Amino acid sequence: MKRIITATVRNRSGVLNRVTSLLQRRQFNIESISVGRTETEGMSKMTFVVDVEDFQKLEQVTKQLNKQIDVIKVSDITDKAIVARELALIKIVSNSQLRAEIQGIIEPFRATIIDVSKDSLSIQVTGKPDKVEALIELLKPYGIKELARTGLTAFVRGHQPNTQDGSFQSLLG
């Protein structure tokens, strides 16, 4: 079962390593992780997508993460209404004859061409993971030379004290 865990942490050396090591020791598979600064000076937000078989094991890890010195707050936001996005950079094989065709493919995804060379195009797409995956599948026949994905980043919509009115499953398809 896939779960989305967010952690607000102090932006200090070694925090990412300590957090991921704890997840690794508990044998969680981290499918994606994104980390970045927040609106608060000296703070960062981590977003993990983890594959978990045992919900009690997840609760135990969440409690252990909360005990870490540089961890301010840990939340499982999987079952909440969330805003979630991913960024992908995709470099595909292309020549001048294919560019208009590729532009037609990426336009409905609101993707943009960010670099052009003689034999390739670089495309940027943001959105829910299933949208990103769908575009990648459509571009595979052209030949993907390089692909880089950020992983999911997310937070809870509005104010939701203890609601259960959203689902992560719709994000992953």
C-alpha atoms as a PDB file:
ATOM      1  CA  MET A   1       0.000   0.000   0.000  1.00  0.00           C
ATOM      2  CA  LYS A   2       1.429   3.378  -1.011  1.00  0.00           C
ATOM      3  CA  ARG A   3       1.458   6.140   1.609  1.00  0.00           C
ATOM      4  CA  ILE A   4       2.454   9.808   1.458  1.00  0.00           C
ATOM      5  CA  ILE A   5       4.447  10.983   4.466  1.00  0.00           C
ATOM      6  CA  THR A   6       5.512  14.593   4.973  1.00  0.00           C
ATOM      7  CA  ALA A   7       8.110  15.739   7.470  1.00  0.00           C
ATOM      8  CA  THR A   8       8.962  19.291   8.433  1.00  0.00           C
ATOM      9  CA  VAL A   9      12.598  19.331   9.532  1.00  0.00           C
ATOM     10  CA  ARG A  10      15.366  21.737  10.465  1.00  0.00           C
ATOM     11  CA  ASN A  11      17.528  22.406   7.433  1.00  0.00           C
ATOM     12  CA  ARG A  12      20.745  20.923   8.830  1.00  0.00           C
ATOM     13  CA  SER A  13      23.427  18.620   7.554  1.00  0.00           C
ATOM     14  CA  GLY A  14      22.643  14.921   8.010  1.00  0.00           C
ATOM     15  CA  VAL A  15      18.885  15.216   8.624  1.00  0.00           C
ATOM     16  CA  LEU A  16      17.941  13.607   5.298  1.00  0.00           C
ATOM     17  CA  ASN A  17      20.354  10.760   5.943  1.00  0.00           C
ATOM     18  CA  ARG A  18      19.004  10.113   9.450  1.00  0.00           C
ATOM     19  CA  VAL A  19      15.384  10.118   8.271  1.00  0.00           C
ATOM     20  CA  THR A  20      15.957   7.853   5.258  1.00  0.00           C
ATOM     21  CA  SER A  21      18.151   5.535   7.347  1.00  0.00           C
ATOM     22  CA  LEU A  22      15.326   5.079   9.841  1.00  0.00           C
ATOM     23  CA  LEU A  23      12.948   4.176   6.999  1.00  0.00           C
ATOM     24  CA  GLN A  24      15.523   1.815   5.522  1.00  0.00           C
ATOM     25  CA  ARG A  25      16.122   0.038   8.844  1.00  0.00           C
ATOM     26  CA  ARG A  26      12.376  -0.616   9.054  1.00  0.00           C
ATOM     27  CA  GLN A  27      12.518  -2.002   5.483  1.00  0.00           C
ATOM     28  CA  PHE A  28      10.279   0.619   3.893  1.00  0.00           C
ATOM     29  CA  ASN A  29      10.721   0.989   0.149  1.00  0.00           C
ATOM     30  CA  ILE A  30      10.967   4.719  -0.598  1.00  0.00           C
ATOM     31  CA  GLU A  31       9.415   5.105  -4.058  1.00  0.00           C
ATOM     32  CA  SER A  32      10.124   8.806  -4.213  1.00  0.00           C
ATOM     33  CA  ILE A  33      11.414  11.573  -2.008  1.00  0.00           C
ATOM     34  CA  SER A  34      11.455  15.304  -2.530  1.00  0.00           C
ATOM     35  CA  VAL A  35      13.009  17.858  -0.206  1.00  0.00           C
ATOM     36  CA  GLY A  36      13.018  21.636  -0.328  1.00  0.00           C
ATOM     37  CA  ARG A  37      13.060  24.757   1.805  1.00  0.00           C
ATOM     38  CA  THR A  38       9.810  26.050   3.254  1.00  0.00           C
ATOM     39  CA  GLU A  39       8.439  29.518   3.871  1.00  0.00           C
ATOM     40  CA  THR A  40      10.146  29.436   7.301  1.00  0.00           C
ATOM     41  CA  GLU A  41      13.845  30.265   7.432  1.00  0.00           C
ATOM     42  CA  GLY A  42      15.940  27.234   8.342  1.00  0.00           C
ATOM     43  CA  MET A  43      13.144  24.693   7.729  1.00  0.00           C
ATOM     44  CA  SER A  44      12.654  22.141   4.950  1.00  0.00           C
ATOM     45  CA  LYS A  45       9.772  19.888   3.970  1.00  0.00           C
ATOM     46  CA  MET A  46      10.330  16.267   2.949  1.00  0.00           C
ATOM     47  CA  THR A  47       7.692  14.343   1.027  1.00  0.00           C
ATOM     48  CA  PHE A  48       8.078  10.563   0.865  1.00  0.00           C
ATOM     49  CA  VAL A  49       6.041   8.063  -1.083  1.00  0.00           C
ATOM     50  CA  VAL A  50       6.586   4.747   0.666  1.00  0.00           C
ATOM     51  CA  ASP A  51       5.305   1.251   0.055  1.00  0.00           C
ATOM     52  CA  VAL A  52       3.968  -0.143   3.332  1.00  0.00           C
ATOM     53  CA  GLU A  53       2.447  -3.554   4.029  1.00  0.00           C
ATOM     54  CA  ASP A  54       1.845  -3.115   7.763  1.00  0.00           C
ATOM     55  CA  PHE A  55      -0.047  -0.015   8.950  1.00  0.00           C
ATOM     56  CA  GLN A  56       1.094  -0.529  12.579  1.00  0.00           C
ATOM     57  CA  LYS A  57       4.699  -0.510  11.380  1.00  0.00           C
ATOM     58  CA  LEU A  58       4.011   2.843   9.684  1.00  0.00           C
ATOM     59  CA  GLU A  59       2.593   4.302  12.912  1.00  0.00           C
ATOM     60  CA  GLN A  60       5.676   3.109  14.807  1.00  0.00           C
ATOM     61  CA  VAL A  61       8.037   4.707  12.277  1.00  0.00           C
ATOM     62  CA  THR A  62       6.050   7.957  12.372  1.00  0.00           C
ATOM     63  CA  LYS A  63       6.443   8.069  16.161  1.00  0.00           C
ATOM     64  CA  GLN A  64      10.178   7.327  15.869  1.00  0.00           C
ATOM     65  CA  LEU A  65      10.615  10.054  13.252  1.00  0.00           C
ATOM     66  CA  ASN A  66       8.858  12.548  15.543  1.00  0.00           C
ATOM     67  CA  LYS A  67      11.454  11.758  18.239  1.00  0.00           C
ATOM     68  CA  GLN A  68      14.369  12.749  15.969  1.00  0.00           C
ATOM     69  CA  ILE A  69      16.042  15.955  17.176  1.00  0.00           C
ATOM     70  CA  ASP A  70      15.756  17.910  13.919  1.00  0.00           C
ATOM     71  CA  VAL A  71      12.274  16.651  12.972  1.00  0.00           C
ATOM     72  CA  ILE A  72       9.552  19.156  13.810  1.00  0.00           C
ATOM     73  CA  LYS A  73       6.443  17.358  12.509  1.00  0.00           C
ATOM     74  CA  VAL A  74       5.620  14.140  10.632  1.00  0.00           C
ATOM     75  CA  SER A  75       2.258  13.487   8.970  1.00  0.00           C
ATOM     76  CA  ASP A  76       0.707  10.710   6.929  1.00  0.00           C
ATOM     77  CA  ILE A  77      -1.391  12.740   4.467  1.00  0.00           C
ATOM     78  CA  THR A  78      -2.448   9.828   2.269  1.00  0.00           C
ATOM     79  CA  ASP A  79      -6.138   9.896   3.198  1.00  0.00           C
ATOM     80  CA  LYS A  80      -6.523  13.662   3.257  1.00  0.00           C
ATOM     81  CA  ALA A  81      -7.491  16.000   0.442  1.00  0.00           C
ATOM     82  CA  ILE A  82      -4.108  17.119  -0.857  1.00  0.00           C
ATOM     83  CA  VAL A  83      -2.429  19.151  -3.543  1.00  0.00           C
ATOM     84  CA  ALA A  84       0.278  16.993  -5.108  1.00  0.00           C
ATOM     85  CA  ARG A  85       2.557  17.542  -8.102  1.00  0.00           C
ATOM     86  CA  GLU A  86       5.610  16.101  -9.792  1.00  0.00           C
ATOM     87  CA  LEU A  87       8.040  17.560 -12.325  1.00  0.00           C
ATOM     88  CA  ALA A  88       9.636  15.567 -15.136  1.00  0.00           C
ATOM     89  CA  LEU A  89      12.285  16.583 -17.650  1.00  0.00           C
ATOM     90  CA  ILE A  90      12.235  14.379 -20.736  1.00  0.00           C
ATOM     91  CA  LYS A  91      14.818  14.456 -23.529  1.00  0.00           C
ATOM     92  CA  ILE A  92      13.635  12.694 -26.670  1.00  0.00           C
ATOM     93  CA  VAL A  93      15.093  11.949 -30.076  1.00  0.00           C
ATOM     94  CA  SER A  94      13.752  14.448 -32.581  1.00  0.00           C
ATOM     95  CA  ASN A  95      14.495  16.112 -35.864  1.00  0.00           C
ATOM     96  CA  SER A  96      12.960  19.188 -37.474  1.00  0.00           C
ATOM     97  CA  GLN A  97      10.267  17.110 -39.230  1.00  0.00           C
ATOM     98  CA  LEU A  98       8.986  15.600 -35.955  1.00  0.00           C
ATOM     99  CA  ARG A  99       8.869  18.771 -33.861  1.00  0.00           C
ATOM    100  CA  ALA A 100       5.352  19.861 -34.903  1.00  0.00           C
ATOM    101  CA  GLU A 101       4.040  16.333 -34.275  1.00  0.00           C
ATOM    102  CA  ILE A 102       5.632  16.228 -30.811  1.00  0.00           C
ATOM    103  CA  GLN A 103       4.295  19.706 -30.021  1.00  0.00           C
ATOM    104  CA  GLY A 104       0.806  18.396 -30.790  1.00  0.00           C
ATOM    105  CA  ILE A 105       1.312  15.478 -28.399  1.00  0.00           C
ATOM    106  CA  ILE A 106       2.607  17.523 -25.456  1.00  0.00           C
ATOM    107  CA  GLU A 107       0.172  20.461 -25.779  1.00  0.00           C
ATOM    108  CA  PRO A 108      -2.835  18.769 -24.064  1.00  0.00           C
ATOM    109  CA  PHE A 109      -0.541  17.957 -21.119  1.00  0.00           C
ATOM    110  CA  ARG A 110       0.449  21.626 -20.802  1.00  0.00           C
ATOM    111  CA  ALA A 111       4.042  20.495 -21.204  1.00  0.00           C
ATOM    112  CA  THR A 112       6.620  22.823 -22.717  1.00  0.00           C
ATOM    113  CA  ILE A 113       9.694  22.456 -24.852  1.00  0.00           C
ATOM    114  CA  ILE A 114      12.581  23.879 -22.830  1.00  0.00           C
ATOM    115  CA  ASP A 115      15.530  23.014 -25.082  1.00  0.00           C
ATOM    116  CA  VAL A 116      16.023  22.208 -28.756  1.00  0.00           C
ATOM    117  CA  SER A 117      19.060  20.744 -30.449  1.00  0.00           C
ATOM    118  CA  LYS A 118      19.671  19.283 -33.893  1.00  0.00           C
ATOM    119  CA  ASP A 119      18.735  15.761 -32.837  1.00  0.00           C
ATOM    120  CA  SER A 120      16.691  16.142 -29.618  1.00  0.00           C
ATOM    121  CA  LEU A 121      14.013  18.046 -27.716  1.00  0.00           C
ATOM    122  CA  SER A 122      13.833  18.557 -23.966  1.00  0.00           C
ATOM    123  CA  ILE A 123      10.346  18.749 -22.509  1.00  0.00           C
ATOM    124  CA  GLN A 124       9.142  19.855 -19.085  1.00  0.00           C
ATOM    125  CA  VAL A 125       5.877  18.591 -17.607  1.00  0.00           C
ATOM    126  CA  THR A 126       4.328  19.090 -14.170  1.00  0.00           C
ATOM    127  CA  GLY A 127       1.233  17.550 -12.672  1.00  0.00           C
ATOM    128  CA  LYS A 128      -0.124  14.502 -10.939  1.00  0.00           C
ATOM    129  CA  PRO A 129       2.059  11.414 -11.319  1.00  0.00           C
ATOM    130  CA  ASP A 130      -0.456   9.681 -13.605  1.00  0.00           C
ATOM    131  CA  LYS A 131      -0.395  12.663 -15.987  1.00  0.00           C
ATOM    132  CA  VAL A 132       3.417  12.636 -16.073  1.00  0.00           C
ATOM    133  CA  GLU A 133       3.421   8.874 -16.660  1.00  0.00           C
ATOM    134  CA  ALA A 134       0.866   9.153 -19.483  1.00  0.00           C
ATOM    135  CA  LEU A 135       3.009  11.703 -21.338  1.00  0.00           C
ATOM    136  CA  ILE A 136       6.126   9.569 -20.903  1.00  0.00           C
ATOM    137  CA  GLU A 137       4.285   6.595 -22.409  1.00  0.00           C
ATOM    138  CA  LEU A 138       3.216   8.680 -25.425  1.00  0.00           C
ATOM    139  CA  LEU A 139       6.791   9.885 -25.981  1.00  0.00           C
ATOM    140  CA  LYS A 140       8.465   6.468 -25.673  1.00  0.00           C
ATOM    141  CA  PRO A 141       8.010   5.599 -29.389  1.00  0.00           C
ATOM    142  CA  TYR A 142      10.128   8.654 -30.313  1.00  0.00           C
ATOM    143  CA  GLY A 143      13.010   7.401 -28.173  1.00  0.00           C
ATOM    144  CA  ILE A 144      13.653   8.780 -24.706  1.00  0.00           C
ATOM    145  CA  LYS A 145      17.318   9.734 -24.407  1.00  0.00           C
ATOM    146  CA  GLU A 146      17.128  10.907 -20.805  1.00  0.00           C
ATOM    147  CA  LEU A 147      14.483  11.201 -18.105  1.00  0.00           C
ATOM    148  CA  ALA A 148      14.600  12.957 -14.713  1.00  0.00           C
ATOM    149  CA  ARG A 149      11.662  13.050 -12.283  1.00  0.00           C
ATOM    150  CA  THR A 150      11.458  14.957  -9.010  1.00  0.00           C
ATOM    151  CA  GLY A 151       9.142  12.607  -7.192  1.00  0.00           C
ATOM    152  CA  LEU A 152       5.908  13.711  -5.586  1.00  0.00           C
ATOM    153  CA  THR A 153       5.681  16.842  -3.484  1.00  0.00           C
ATOM    154  CA  ALA A 154       2.454  17.512  -1.619  1.00  0.00           C
ATOM    155  CA  PHE A 155       0.595  19.235   1.178  1.00  0.00           C
ATOM    156  CA  VAL A 156      -2.897  19.164   2.652  1.00  0.00           C
ATOM    157  CA  ARG A 157      -5.543  21.416   1.074  1.00  0.00           C
ATOM    158  CA  GLY A 158      -6.940  24.192   3.253  1.00  0.00           C
ATOM    159  CA  HIS A 159      -7.648  23.335   6.896  1.00  0.00           C
ATOM    160  CA  GLN A 160      -8.394  19.659   7.644  1.00  0.00           C
ATOM    161  CA  PRO A 161      -8.122  18.795  11.311  1.00  0.00           C
ATOM    162  CA  ASN A 162      -9.133  15.096  11.108  1.00  0.00           C
ATOM    163  CA  THR A 163     -10.965  14.656   7.814  1.00  0.00           C
ATOM    164  CA  GLN A 164     -10.839  11.638   5.536  1.00  0.00           C
ATOM    165  CA  ASP A 165     -12.132  13.267   2.344  1.00  0.00           C
ATOM    166  CA  GLY A 166      -9.324  12.621  -0.147  1.00  0.00           C
ATOM    167  CA  SER A 167      -7.382   9.681  -1.427  1.00  0.00           C
ATOM    168  CA  PHE A 168      -3.864   9.198  -2.671  1.00  0.00           C
ATOM    169  CA  GLN A 169      -4.946   6.245  -4.777  1.00  0.00           C
ATOM    170  CA  SER A 170      -6.524   8.582  -7.373  1.00  0.00           C
ATOM    171  CA  LEU A 171      -3.154  10.315  -7.782  1.00  0.00           C
ATOM    172  CA  LEU A 172      -1.317   7.161  -8.786  1.00  0.00           C
ATOM    173  CA  GLY A 173      -4.029   5.790 -11.078  1.00  0.00           C
END
